[in-house]
C-alpha atoms as a PDB file:
ATOM      1  CA  MET A   1     -11.145   3.232  -9.635  1.00  0.00           C
ATOM      2  CA  PRO A   2     -14.419   1.596 -11.380  1.00  0.00           C
ATOM      3  CA  GLY A   3     -13.108  -1.891 -12.608  1.00  0.00           C
ATOM      4  CA  MET A   4     -10.049  -2.077 -11.130  1.00  0.00           C
ATOM      5  CA  THR A   5      -8.741  -2.911  -7.445  1.00  0.00           C
ATOM      6  CA  GLY A   6      -5.851  -1.008  -5.636  1.00  0.00           C
ATOM      7  CA  ARG A   7      -3.890  -3.919  -6.058  1.00  0.00           C
ATOM      8  CA  GLU A   8      -4.489  -4.142 -10.080  1.00  0.00           C
ATOM      9  CA  LEU A   9      -3.703  -0.580 -10.295  1.00  0.00           C
ATOM     10  CA  ALA A  10      -0.166  -1.202  -8.167  1.00  0.00           C
ATOM     11  CA  GLU A  11       0.605  -3.974 -10.385  1.00  0.00           C
ATOM     12  CA  ALA A  12       0.102  -2.143 -13.708  1.00  0.00           C
ATOM     13  CA  LEU A  13       1.811   0.775 -12.359  1.00  0.00           C
ATOM     14  CA  ILE A  14       4.791  -1.557 -11.226  1.00  0.00           C
ATOM     15  CA  ALA A  15       4.772  -3.062 -14.772  1.00  0.00           C
ATOM     16  CA  ALA A  16       4.865   0.030 -16.644  1.00  0.00           C
ATOM     17  CA  ARG A  17       7.472   1.716 -14.256  1.00  0.00           C
ATOM     18  CA  PRO A  18       9.628  -1.021 -12.568  1.00  0.00           C
ATOM     19  CA  GLY A  19      10.951   0.549  -9.244  1.00  0.00           C
ATOM     20  CA  VAL A  20       7.977   2.408  -8.402  1.00  0.00           C
ATOM     21  CA  ARG A  21       7.340   2.752  -4.913  1.00  0.00           C
ATOM     22  CA  VAL A  22       3.669   1.647  -3.580  1.00  0.00           C
ATOM     23  CA  LEU A  23       1.853   2.296  -0.211  1.00  0.00           C
ATOM     24  CA  TYR A  24      -1.328   0.737   0.243  1.00  0.00           C
ATOM     25  CA  MET A  25      -4.130   2.126   2.711  1.00  0.00           C
ATOM     26  CA  SER A  26      -7.372   0.813   3.789  1.00  0.00           C
ATOM     27  CA  GLY A  27      -9.880   1.140   6.508  1.00  0.00           C
ATOM     28  CA  TYR A  28      -9.180  -2.433   7.424  1.00  0.00           C
ATOM     29  CA  THR A  29      -6.672  -3.377   9.976  1.00  0.00           C
ATOM     30  CA  ASP A  30      -3.340  -4.885   8.396  1.00  0.00           C
ATOM     31  CA  ASP A  31      -3.875  -8.157   9.247  1.00  0.00           C
ATOM     32  CA  ALA A  32      -7.375  -8.447   8.226  1.00  0.00           C
ATOM     33  CA  VAL A  33      -5.910  -7.440   4.804  1.00  0.00           C
ATOM     34  CA  VAL A  34      -3.317 -10.139   4.954  1.00  0.00           C
ATOM     35  CA  ARG A  35      -5.907 -12.824   6.357  1.00  0.00           C
ATOM     36  CA  HIS A  36      -8.240 -12.203   3.564  1.00  0.00           C
ATOM     37  CA  GLY A  37      -5.493 -12.482   1.065  1.00  0.00           C
ATOM     38  CA  VAL A  38      -5.901  -8.823  -0.446  1.00  0.00           C
ATOM     39  CA  LEU A  39      -2.177  -8.052   0.327  1.00  0.00           C
ATOM     40  CA  THR A  40       0.799 -10.365   1.523  1.00  0.00           C
ATOM     41  CA  ALA A  41       2.805  -9.747   4.988  1.00  0.00           C
ATOM     42  CA  GLY A  42       5.077  -7.266   4.683  1.00  0.00           C
ATOM     43  CA  VAL A  43       3.850  -4.960   1.886  1.00  0.00           C
ATOM     44  CA  PRO A  44       3.939  -1.364   3.065  1.00  0.00           C
ATOM     45  CA  PHE A  45       0.313  -0.662   4.473  1.00  0.00           C
ATOM     46  CA  LEU A  46      -1.121   2.191   6.306  1.00  0.00           C
ATOM     47  CA  GLN A  47      -4.475   1.863   7.981  1.00  0.00           C
ATOM     48  CA  LYS A  48      -7.160   4.715   8.189  1.00  0.00           C
ATOM     49  CA  PRO A  49      -7.894   6.838   9.768  1.00  0.00           C
ATOM     50  CA  PHE A  50      -3.942   8.184  10.125  1.00  0.00           C
ATOM     51  CA  THR A  51      -2.492  11.506  10.898  1.00  0.00           C
ATOM     52  CA  ALA A  52      -0.482  13.830   8.893  1.00  0.00           C
ATOM     53  CA  ARG A  53       2.606  12.921  10.664  1.00  0.00           C
ATOM     54  CA  ALA A  54       1.755   9.183  10.389  1.00  0.00           C
ATOM     55  CA  LEU A  55       1.642   9.493   6.517  1.00  0.00           C
ATOM     56  CA  ALA A  56       4.645  11.594   6.113  1.00  0.00           C
ATOM     57  CA  SER A  57       6.220   8.691   8.343  1.00  0.00           C
ATOM     58  CA  LYS A  58       5.152   5.733   6.257  1.00  0.00           C
ATOM     59  CA  VAL A  59       5.964   7.433   2.955  1.00  0.00           C
ATOM     60  CA  ARG A  60       9.579   8.224   4.390  1.00  0.00           C
ATOM     61  CA  GLU A  61       9.894   4.551   5.085  1.00  0.00           C
ATOM     62  CA  VAL A  62       8.789   3.234   1.918  1.00  0.00           C
ATOM     63  CA  LEU A  63      10.728   5.795  -0.148  1.00  0.00           C
ATOM     64  CA  ASN A  64      13.950   4.647   2.167  1.00  0.00           C
ATOM     65  CA  ARG A  65      13.573   1.180   1.131  1.00  0.00           C
ATOM     66  CA  PRO A  66      16.106  -0.510  -1.001  1.00  0.00           C
END
């Protein structure tokens, strides 16, 4: 995504379609991502590498959020 971070893309999508669900993923640990200010605590996050089962579980978790 040249010229845009994942967070910027997510914010643009949320602005265009309120209520859209977002799941972030990265090779960095979740605490490192939060510590460096990329994401805030409690934001749906999946650390790479992950299994198909872990992805499916996290997607279901995000979709089930109110």
